[in-house]
C-alpha atoms as a PDB file:
ATOM      1  CA  MET A   1       2.321  -6.635  -9.809  1.00  0.00           C
ATOM      2  CA  THR A   2       0.980  -3.566 -11.549  1.00  0.00           C
ATOM      3  CA  PHE A   3       1.404   0.183 -11.853  1.00  0.00           C
ATOM      4  CA  CYS A   4      -1.588   2.494 -11.459  1.00  0.00           C
ATOM      5  CA  LEU A   5      -1.185   6.191 -10.740  1.00  0.00           C
ATOM      6  CA  GLY A   6      -3.688   8.930  -9.970  1.00  0.00           C
ATOM      7  CA  ILE A   7      -2.775  12.633  -9.850  1.00  0.00           C
ATOM      8  CA  LYS A   8      -4.888  15.528  -8.589  1.00  0.00           C
ATOM      9  CA  THR A   9      -4.061  19.077  -9.697  1.00  0.00           C
ATOM     10  CA  LYS A  10      -5.861  22.396  -9.476  1.00  0.00           C
ATOM     11  CA  ASN A  11      -6.965  21.821 -13.088  1.00  0.00           C
ATOM     12  CA  GLY A  12      -8.318  18.275 -12.785  1.00  0.00           C
ATOM     13  CA  LEU A  13      -7.209  14.658 -12.652  1.00  0.00           C
ATOM     14  CA  VAL A  14      -4.699  12.488 -14.515  1.00  0.00           C
ATOM     15  CA  GLY A  15      -4.611   8.707 -14.338  1.00  0.00           C
ATOM     16  CA  LEU A  16      -2.181   6.212 -15.869  1.00  0.00           C
ATOM     17  CA  SER A  17      -2.201   2.431 -15.752  1.00  0.00           C
ATOM     18  CA  ASP A  18      -0.076  -0.320 -17.226  1.00  0.00           C
ATOM     19  CA  THR A  19      -1.778  -3.410 -18.659  1.00  0.00           C
ATOM     20  CA  ARG A  20       0.545  -6.294 -17.830  1.00  0.00           C
ATOM     21  CA  ILE A  21      -0.946  -9.262 -16.000  1.00  0.00           C
ATOM     22  CA  THR A  22       1.501 -11.775 -14.507  1.00  0.00           C
ATOM     23  CA  SER A  23       0.375 -15.240 -13.427  1.00  0.00           C
ATOM     24  CA  GLY A  24       3.210 -17.589 -12.582  1.00  0.00           C
ATOM     25  CA  ASN A  25       5.409 -17.735 -15.672  1.00  0.00           C
ATOM     26  CA  GLU A  26       2.711 -16.372 -17.961  1.00  0.00           C
ATOM     27  CA  THR A  27       2.195 -12.729 -18.897  1.00  0.00           C
ATOM     28  CA  THR A  28      -0.850 -11.297 -20.639  1.00  0.00           C
ATOM     29  CA  THR A  29      -2.352  -7.868 -21.312  1.00  0.00           C
ATOM     30  CA  SER A  30      -5.567  -6.695 -19.708  1.00  0.00           C
ATOM     31  CA  LYS A  31      -7.219  -3.335 -19.146  1.00  0.00           C
ATOM     32  CA  LYS A  32      -7.151  -2.143 -15.532  1.00  0.00           C
ATOM     33  CA  VAL A  33      -9.316   0.966 -15.950  1.00  0.00           C
ATOM     34  CA  TYR A  34     -13.105   1.084 -15.614  1.00  0.00           C
ATOM     35  CA  LYS A  35     -14.844   4.373 -16.368  1.00  0.00           C
ATOM     36  CA  VAL A  36     -18.301   5.935 -16.319  1.00  0.00           C
ATOM     37  CA  ASN A  37     -19.171   8.963 -18.443  1.00  0.00           C
ATOM     38  CA  LYS A  38     -22.640  10.439 -17.968  1.00  0.00           C
ATOM     39  CA  GLU A  39     -24.077  13.928 -17.796  1.00  0.00           C
ATOM     40  CA  LYS A  40     -22.499  15.655 -14.775  1.00  0.00           C
ATOM     41  CA  HIS A  41     -21.365  12.248 -13.629  1.00  0.00           C
ATOM     42  CA  SER A  42     -17.900  10.923 -14.547  1.00  0.00           C
ATOM     43  CA  PHE A  43     -15.436   8.743 -12.692  1.00  0.00           C
ATOM     44  CA  PHE A  44     -12.812   6.037 -13.209  1.00  0.00           C
ATOM     45  CA  ILE A  45     -11.544   3.089 -11.193  1.00  0.00           C
ATOM     46  CA  MET A  46      -8.035   1.618 -11.469  1.00  0.00           C
ATOM     47  CA  THR A  47      -7.182  -1.519  -9.537  1.00  0.00           C
ATOM     48  CA  SER A  48      -4.197  -3.505  -8.310  1.00  0.00           C
ATOM     49  CA  GLY A  49      -4.546  -7.025  -6.957  1.00  0.00           C
ATOM     50  CA  LEU A  50      -5.987 -10.397  -7.866  1.00  0.00           C
ATOM     51  CA  ARG A  51      -7.668 -10.188 -11.244  1.00  0.00           C
ATOM     52  CA  SER A  52     -10.475 -12.544 -10.205  1.00  0.00           C
ATOM     53  CA  VAL A  53     -11.343 -10.293  -7.266  1.00  0.00           C
ATOM     54  CA  ARG A  54     -11.190  -7.216  -9.465  1.00  0.00           C
ATOM     55  CA  ASP A  55     -13.405  -8.655 -12.196  1.00  0.00           C
ATOM     56  CA  LYS A  56     -16.035  -9.873  -9.744  1.00  0.00           C
ATOM     57  CA  ALA A  57     -16.151  -6.606  -7.784  1.00  0.00           C
ATOM     58  CA  ILE A  58     -16.376  -4.555 -11.000  1.00  0.00           C
ATOM     59  CA  THR A  59     -19.167  -6.815 -12.305  1.00  0.00           C
ATOM     60  CA  TYR A  60     -21.194  -6.392  -9.121  1.00  0.00           C
ATOM     61  CA  PHE A  61     -20.525  -2.662  -9.097  1.00  0.00           C
ATOM     62  CA  SER A  62     -21.513  -2.287 -12.764  1.00  0.00           C
ATOM     63  CA  GLU A  63     -24.866  -3.893 -12.026  1.00  0.00           C
ATOM     64  CA  THR A  64     -25.408  -1.456  -9.181  1.00  0.00           C
ATOM     65  CA  ILE A  65     -24.469   1.487 -11.392  1.00  0.00           C
ATOM     66  CA  GLU A  66     -26.998   0.389 -14.000  1.00  0.00           C
ATOM     67  CA  LYS A  67     -29.784   0.300 -11.408  1.00  0.00           C
ATOM     68  CA  THR A  68     -28.982   3.111  -8.952  1.00  0.00           C
ATOM     69  CA  ASP A  69     -26.362   5.337 -10.568  1.00  0.00           C
ATOM     70  CA  ASP A  70     -28.563   8.437 -10.378  1.00  0.00           C
ATOM     71  CA  GLN A  71     -28.658   8.135  -6.588  1.00  0.00           C
ATOM     72  CA  PHE A  72     -24.979   9.059  -6.300  1.00  0.00           C
ATOM     73  CA  LYS A  73     -24.513  12.843  -6.131  1.00  0.00           C
ATOM     74  CA  LYS A  74     -20.965  12.939  -4.760  1.00  0.00           C
ATOM     75  CA  LEU A  75     -18.049  10.709  -5.660  1.00  0.00           C
ATOM     76  CA  TYR A  76     -17.481   9.419  -2.128  1.00  0.00           C
ATOM     77  CA  GLU A  77     -20.929   7.774  -2.316  1.00  0.00           C
ATOM     78  CA  ALA A  78     -19.842   5.764  -5.355  1.00  0.00           C
ATOM     79  CA  VAL A  79     -16.565   4.940  -3.591  1.00  0.00           C
ATOM     80  CA  ASN A  80     -18.523   3.617  -0.603  1.00  0.00           C
ATOM     81  CA  GLU A  81     -20.637   1.466  -2.927  1.00  0.00           C
ATOM     82  CA  PHE A  82     -17.591  -0.023  -4.641  1.00  0.00           C
ATOM     83  CA  GLY A  83     -16.112  -0.700  -1.199  1.00  0.00           C
ATOM     84  CA  ASP A  84     -19.300  -2.552  -0.270  1.00  0.00           C
ATOM     85  CA  GLN A  85     -18.975  -4.708  -3.387  1.00  0.00           C
ATOM     86  CA  ILE A  86     -15.364  -5.551  -2.500  1.00  0.00           C
ATOM     87  CA  LYS A  87     -16.523  -6.608   0.965  1.00  0.00           C
ATOM     88  CA  ARG A  88     -19.229  -8.707  -0.671  1.00  0.00           C
ATOM     89  CA  VAL A  89     -16.598 -10.495  -2.762  1.00  0.00           C
ATOM     90  CA  ALA A  90     -14.476 -10.954   0.356  1.00  0.00           C
ATOM     91  CA  LYS A  91     -17.348 -12.750   2.110  1.00  0.00           C
ATOM     92  CA  GLU A  92     -17.778 -15.021  -0.897  1.00  0.00           C
ATOM     93  CA  ASP A  93     -14.170 -15.741  -1.869  1.00  0.00           C
ATOM     94  CA  LYS A  94     -11.629 -14.653   0.757  1.00  0.00           C
ATOM     95  CA  GLU A  95     -11.604 -17.894   2.733  1.00  0.00           C
ATOM     96  CA  SER A  96     -11.206 -20.122  -0.316  1.00  0.00           C
ATOM     97  CA  LEU A  97      -8.525 -17.864  -1.791  1.00  0.00           C
ATOM     98  CA  GLU A  98      -6.482 -17.937   1.400  1.00  0.00           C
ATOM     99  CA  GLU A  99      -6.872 -21.712   1.621  1.00  0.00           C
ATOM    100  CA  GLY A 100      -5.307 -21.818  -1.837  1.00  0.00           C
ATOM    101  CA  GLY A 101      -2.397 -19.648  -0.726  1.00  0.00           C
ATOM    102  CA  LEU A 102      -3.615 -16.393  -2.309  1.00  0.00           C
ATOM    103  CA  SER A 103      -4.082 -13.077  -0.537  1.00  0.00           C
ATOM    104  CA  PHE A 104      -7.287 -11.078  -0.873  1.00  0.00           C
ATOM    105  CA  ASN A 105      -5.698  -7.801  -1.937  1.00  0.00           C
ATOM    106  CA  LEU A 106      -7.584  -5.367  -4.163  1.00  0.00           C
ATOM    107  CA  PHE A 107      -6.405  -1.760  -3.933  1.00  0.00           C
ATOM    108  CA  SER A 108      -8.247   0.843  -6.016  1.00  0.00           C
ATOM    109  CA  ILE A 109      -7.740   4.412  -7.183  1.00  0.00           C
ATOM    110  CA  ILE A 110     -11.062   6.141  -7.834  1.00  0.00           C
ATOM    111  CA  GLY A 111     -11.217   9.604  -9.363  1.00  0.00           C
ATOM    112  CA  GLY A 112     -13.961  11.723 -10.838  1.00  0.00           C
ATOM    113  CA  GLN A 113     -16.551  14.428 -10.375  1.00  0.00           C
ATOM    114  CA  LEU A 114     -20.269  14.042  -9.743  1.00  0.00           C
ATOM    115  CA  GLU A 115     -22.846  16.815  -9.912  1.00  0.00           C
ATOM    116  CA  ASP A 116     -22.578  17.909  -6.258  1.00  0.00           C
ATOM    117  CA  ASP A 117     -18.772  17.760  -6.111  1.00  0.00           C
ATOM    118  CA  LYS A 118     -17.299  21.254  -6.267  1.00  0.00           C
ATOM    119  CA  SER A 119     -14.207  19.876  -8.018  1.00  0.00           C
ATOM    120  CA  PRO A 120     -12.852  16.470  -9.101  1.00  0.00           C
ATOM    121  CA  LYS A 121     -12.003  14.120  -6.237  1.00  0.00           C
ATOM    122  CA  LEU A 122      -9.411  11.366  -5.950  1.00  0.00           C
ATOM    123  CA  TYR A 123      -9.547   8.448  -3.490  1.00  0.00           C
ATOM    124  CA  LEU A 124      -7.457   5.442  -2.491  1.00  0.00           C
ATOM    125  CA  LEU A 125      -9.696   2.504  -1.547  1.00  0.00           C
ATOM    126  CA  TYR A 126      -8.246  -0.325   0.550  1.00  0.00           C
ATOM    127  CA  PRO A 127      -9.170  -4.042   0.337  1.00  0.00           C
ATOM    128  CA  GLN A 128     -11.078  -3.695   3.610  1.00  0.00           C
ATOM    129  CA  GLY A 129     -13.440  -1.147   2.016  1.00  0.00           C
ATOM    130  CA  ASN A 130     -12.150   1.958   3.823  1.00  0.00           C
ATOM    131  CA  TRP A 131     -10.624   4.894   1.945  1.00  0.00           C
ATOM    132  CA  ILE A 132      -8.594   8.091   2.129  1.00  0.00           C
ATOM    133  CA  GLU A 133      -8.919  11.190  -0.057  1.00  0.00           C
ATOM    134  CA  VAL A 134      -5.871  12.367  -2.010  1.00  0.00           C
ATOM    135  CA  ARG A 135      -5.416  16.104  -1.444  1.00  0.00           C
ATOM    136  CA  ARG A 136      -3.110  18.898  -2.553  1.00  0.00           C
ATOM    137  CA  GLY A 137      -0.402  18.262   0.073  1.00  0.00           C
ATOM    138  CA  THR A 138       0.602  15.003  -1.647  1.00  0.00           C
ATOM    139  CA  PRO A 139      -1.346  15.203  -4.903  1.00  0.00           C
ATOM    140  CA  PHE A 140      -0.787  11.675  -6.189  1.00  0.00           C
ATOM    141  CA  VAL A 141      -1.186   8.034  -5.255  1.00  0.00           C
ATOM    142  CA  ILE A 142       0.348   4.866  -6.739  1.00  0.00           C
ATOM    143  CA  ILE A 143      -0.899   1.318  -6.249  1.00  0.00           C
ATOM    144  CA  GLY A 144       1.093  -1.746  -7.186  1.00  0.00           C
ATOM    145  CA  ASN A 145       4.793  -1.234  -7.823  1.00  0.00           C
ATOM    146  CA  SER A 146       5.433   2.228  -6.399  1.00  0.00           C
ATOM    147  CA  GLY A 147       9.119   2.294  -5.452  1.00  0.00           C
ATOM    148  CA  ALA A 148      10.684   3.586  -8.667  1.00  0.00           C
ATOM    149  CA  GLY A 149       7.994   6.115  -9.566  1.00  0.00           C
ATOM    150  CA  ASN A 150       7.679   7.841  -6.194  1.00  0.00           C
ATOM    151  CA  PRO A 151      10.997   9.771  -6.282  1.00  0.00           C
ATOM    152  CA  ILE A 152      10.233  11.367  -9.663  1.00  0.00           C
ATOM    153  CA  LEU A 153       6.806  12.531  -8.547  1.00  0.00           C
ATOM    154  CA  LYS A 154       7.950  13.785  -5.152  1.00  0.00           C
ATOM    155  CA  ARG A 155      10.746  15.823  -6.750  1.00  0.00           C
ATOM    156  CA  SER A 156       8.804  17.288  -9.661  1.00  0.00           C
ATOM    157  CA  LEU A 157       5.035  17.321  -9.118  1.00  0.00           C
ATOM    158  CA  LYS A 158       3.030  20.075  -7.423  1.00  0.00           C
ATOM    159  CA  TYR A 159      -0.713  20.570  -7.084  1.00  0.00           C
ATOM    160  CA  GLU A 160      -0.518  23.787  -9.122  1.00  0.00           C
ATOM    161  CA  GLU A 161       0.806  22.078 -12.272  1.00  0.00           C
ATOM    162  CA  SER A 162      -1.044  21.866 -15.593  1.00  0.00           C
ATOM    163  CA  LEU A 163      -2.611  18.583 -16.680  1.00  0.00           C
ATOM    164  CA  ASP A 164      -0.086  18.402 -19.521  1.00  0.00           C
ATOM    165  CA  TYR A 165       2.810  18.642 -17.072  1.00  0.00           C
ATOM    166  CA  ALA A 166       1.177  16.128 -14.726  1.00  0.00           C
ATOM    167  CA  LEU A 167       0.781  13.625 -17.568  1.00  0.00           C
ATOM    168  CA  LYS A 168       4.472  13.963 -18.459  1.00  0.00           C
ATOM    169  CA  CYS A 169       5.380  13.272 -14.830  1.00  0.00           C
ATOM    170  CA  ALA A 170       3.026  10.294 -14.811  1.00  0.00           C
ATOM    171  CA  PHE A 171       4.698   8.786 -17.862  1.00  0.00           C
ATOM    172  CA  LEU A 172       8.202   9.259 -16.453  1.00  0.00           C
ATOM    173  CA  ALA A 173       7.110   7.594 -13.202  1.00  0.00           C
ATOM    174  CA  PHE A 174       5.744   4.656 -15.192  1.00  0.00           C
ATOM    175  CA  ASP A 175       8.861   4.481 -17.364  1.00  0.00           C
ATOM    176  CA  ALA A 176      11.133   4.358 -14.317  1.00  0.00           C
ATOM    177  CA  THR A 177       8.991   1.551 -12.905  1.00  0.00           C
ATOM    178  CA  ARG A 178       8.985  -0.342 -16.200  1.00  0.00           C
ATOM    179  CA  ILE A 179      12.776  -0.288 -16.324  1.00  0.00           C
ATOM    180  CA  SER A 180      13.036  -1.434 -12.703  1.00  0.00           C
ATOM    181  CA  ALA A 181      10.410  -4.203 -12.727  1.00  0.00           C
ATOM    182  CA  ASN A 182       9.688  -6.963 -15.228  1.00  0.00           C
ATOM    183  CA  ASP A 183       6.016  -7.181 -14.218  1.00  0.00           C
ATOM    184  CA  VAL A 184       5.100  -3.628 -15.361  1.00  0.00           C
ATOM    185  CA  ASP A 185       4.958  -2.849 -19.069  1.00  0.00           C
ATOM    186  CA  PHE A 186       3.229  -1.354 -22.107  1.00  0.00           C
ATOM    187  CA  PRO A 187       0.713  -0.692 -23.427  1.00  0.00           C
ATOM    188  CA  ILE A 188      -0.509   1.983 -21.032  1.00  0.00           C
ATOM    189  CA  ASP A 189      -3.946   3.521 -20.573  1.00  0.00           C
ATOM    190  CA  THR A 190      -4.377   7.179 -19.619  1.00  0.00           C
ATOM    191  CA  VAL A 191      -7.437   9.040 -18.340  1.00  0.00           C
ATOM    192  CA  ILE A 192      -7.855  12.818 -18.155  1.00  0.00           C
ATOM    193  CA  LEU A 193     -10.652  14.714 -16.391  1.00  0.00           C
ATOM    194  CA  GLU A 194     -10.672  18.520 -16.518  1.00  0.00           C
ATOM    195  CA  ASN A 195     -12.480  20.501 -13.844  1.00  0.00           C
ATOM    196  CA  ASP A 196     -16.244  20.663 -14.430  1.00  0.00           C
ATOM    197  CA  SER A 197     -16.013  18.918 -17.807  1.00  0.00           C
ATOM    198  CA  TYR A 198     -17.787  15.766 -16.543  1.00  0.00           C
ATOM    199  CA  HIS A 199     -16.152  13.796 -19.330  1.00  0.00           C
ATOM    200  CA  ILE A 200     -13.178  11.466 -18.952  1.00  0.00           C
ATOM    201  CA  ILE A 201     -10.889  11.196 -21.979  1.00  0.00           C
ATOM    202  CA  GLU A 202      -9.295   7.764 -22.243  1.00  0.00           C
ATOM    203  CA  LYS A 203      -6.373   6.863 -24.503  1.00  0.00           C
ATOM    204  CA  ARG A 204      -4.128   3.811 -24.976  1.00  0.00           C
ATOM    205  CA  PHE A 205      -0.457   4.158 -25.951  1.00  0.00           C
ATOM    206  CA  GLU A 206       1.852   1.489 -27.327  1.00  0.00           C
ATOM    207  CA  GLN A 207       5.580   1.464 -26.592  1.00  0.00           C
ATOM    208  CA  ALA A 208       6.517   2.465 -30.143  1.00  0.00           C
ATOM    209  CA  GLU A 209       4.586   5.712 -29.768  1.00  0.00           C
ATOM    210  CA  LEU A 210       6.467   6.795 -26.649  1.00  0.00           C
ATOM    211  CA  SER A 211       9.948   5.290 -26.994  1.00  0.00           C
ATOM    212  CA  HIS A 212      11.385   8.623 -28.185  1.00  0.00           C
ATOM    213  CA  ILE A 213      10.341  10.215 -24.877  1.00  0.00           C
ATOM    214  CA  SER A 214      12.191   7.518 -22.926  1.00  0.00           C
ATOM    215  CA  GLU A 215      15.284   8.015 -25.083  1.00  0.00           C
ATOM    216  CA  PHE A 216      15.143  11.803 -24.660  1.00  0.00           C
ATOM    217  CA  TRP A 217      14.802  11.453 -20.882  1.00  0.00           C
ATOM    218  CA  ASN A 218      17.701   8.979 -20.659  1.00  0.00           C
ATOM    219  CA  SER A 219      20.002  11.295 -22.617  1.00  0.00           C
ATOM    220  CA  ARG A 220      19.040  14.315 -20.511  1.00  0.00           C
ATOM    221  CA  ILE A 221      19.756  12.422 -17.299  1.00  0.00           C
ATOM    222  CA  ARG A 222      23.226  11.480 -18.555  1.00  0.00           C
ATOM    223  CA  GLU A 223      23.901  15.080 -19.575  1.00  0.00           C
ATOM    224  CA  ALA A 224      22.713  16.386 -16.208  1.00  0.00           C
ATOM    225  CA  ILE A 225      24.960  13.943 -14.338  1.00  0.00           C
ATOM    226  CA  SER A 226      27.954  15.007 -16.428  1.00  0.00           C
ATOM    227  CA  GLU A 227      27.228  18.704 -15.738  1.00  0.00           C
ATOM    228  CA  LEU A 228      26.495  18.233 -12.042  1.00  0.00           C
ATOM    229  CA  PRO A 229      28.325  20.897  -9.933  1.00  0.00           C
ATOM    230  CA  ALA A 230      29.929  18.246  -7.766  1.00  0.00           C
ATOM    231  CA  ASP A 231      33.640  19.114  -7.553  1.00  0.00           C
ATOM    232  CA  VAL A 232      33.501  18.491  -3.818  1.00  0.00           C
ATOM    233  CA  LEU A 233      32.970  14.805  -4.554  1.00  0.00           C
ATOM    234  CA  LYS A 234      36.478  14.626  -6.030  1.00  0.00           C
ATOM    235  CA  LYS A 235      37.714  14.391  -2.464  1.00  0.00           C
ATOM    236  CA  ALA A 236      36.494  10.780  -2.536  1.00  0.00           C
ATOM    237  CA  PHE A 237      39.367   9.961  -4.913  1.00  0.00           C
ATOM    238  CA  GLN A 238      42.063  11.528  -2.773  1.00  0.00           C
ATOM    239  CA  ASP A 239      44.033   9.226  -0.506  1.00  0.00           C
ATOM    240  CA  ALA A 240      44.416  10.887   2.883  1.00  0.00           C
ATOM    241  CA  ALA A 241      47.701   9.080   3.649  1.00  0.00           C
ATOM    242  CA  ALA A 242      49.216  10.125   0.296  1.00  0.00           C
ATOM    243  CA  LEU A 243      48.262  13.754   0.906  1.00  0.00           C
ATOM    244  CA  THR A 244      49.867  13.631   4.327  1.00  0.00           C
ATOM    245  CA  ASN A 245      53.186  12.403   2.873  1.00  0.00           C
ATOM    246  CA  GLN A 246      53.360  15.161   0.257  1.00  0.00           C
END
């Protein structure tokens, strides 16, 4: 499993990915973010699924980018091309993978801004090569292990937030997932793209750098629970029969 998150705000995009790779009883670390930074032409791809499918699709796509990158003027065109490369890999490998008991399942988050895009775009690409655009109504998408991170984002994240705030939400969503699942873990990779900057900033964080944030969040949650205005819940401790006999 994995954890990859993309967030779209009025100020730009935030992406966060874990790096844990689980294969049977073995765990390793591998980067799950691919990015392109060129003049008026920047985007990133984060993936969840079989690593062999991911690596092959990215390799094919990279070759295409090297030859025809200047032909893409809007991000959806690059998304379509990556979808075509996934379908190419499916034709080559899907049957043999399924014969070996493995599912062909590569989900991708693709975000960026090309020269004819009025603002940064964010897409969810399915293994079949079709996609949806992430918009302001629900300004985030998670692939991989999404159960623990969703509640934090749905409660706290709005399209109007700053990139700084969005990144904090992204980390807390990852941290909740890390605690809940043993196949999601540090280090994490983050990507930031501000509106019209056409330059993705990528950074890797180790657990030691961010452990104080986790500890702060845990203590604040405990404090908030203790201070919760929930006197009405005390009724749960009252025995109805005992009250009747008084």
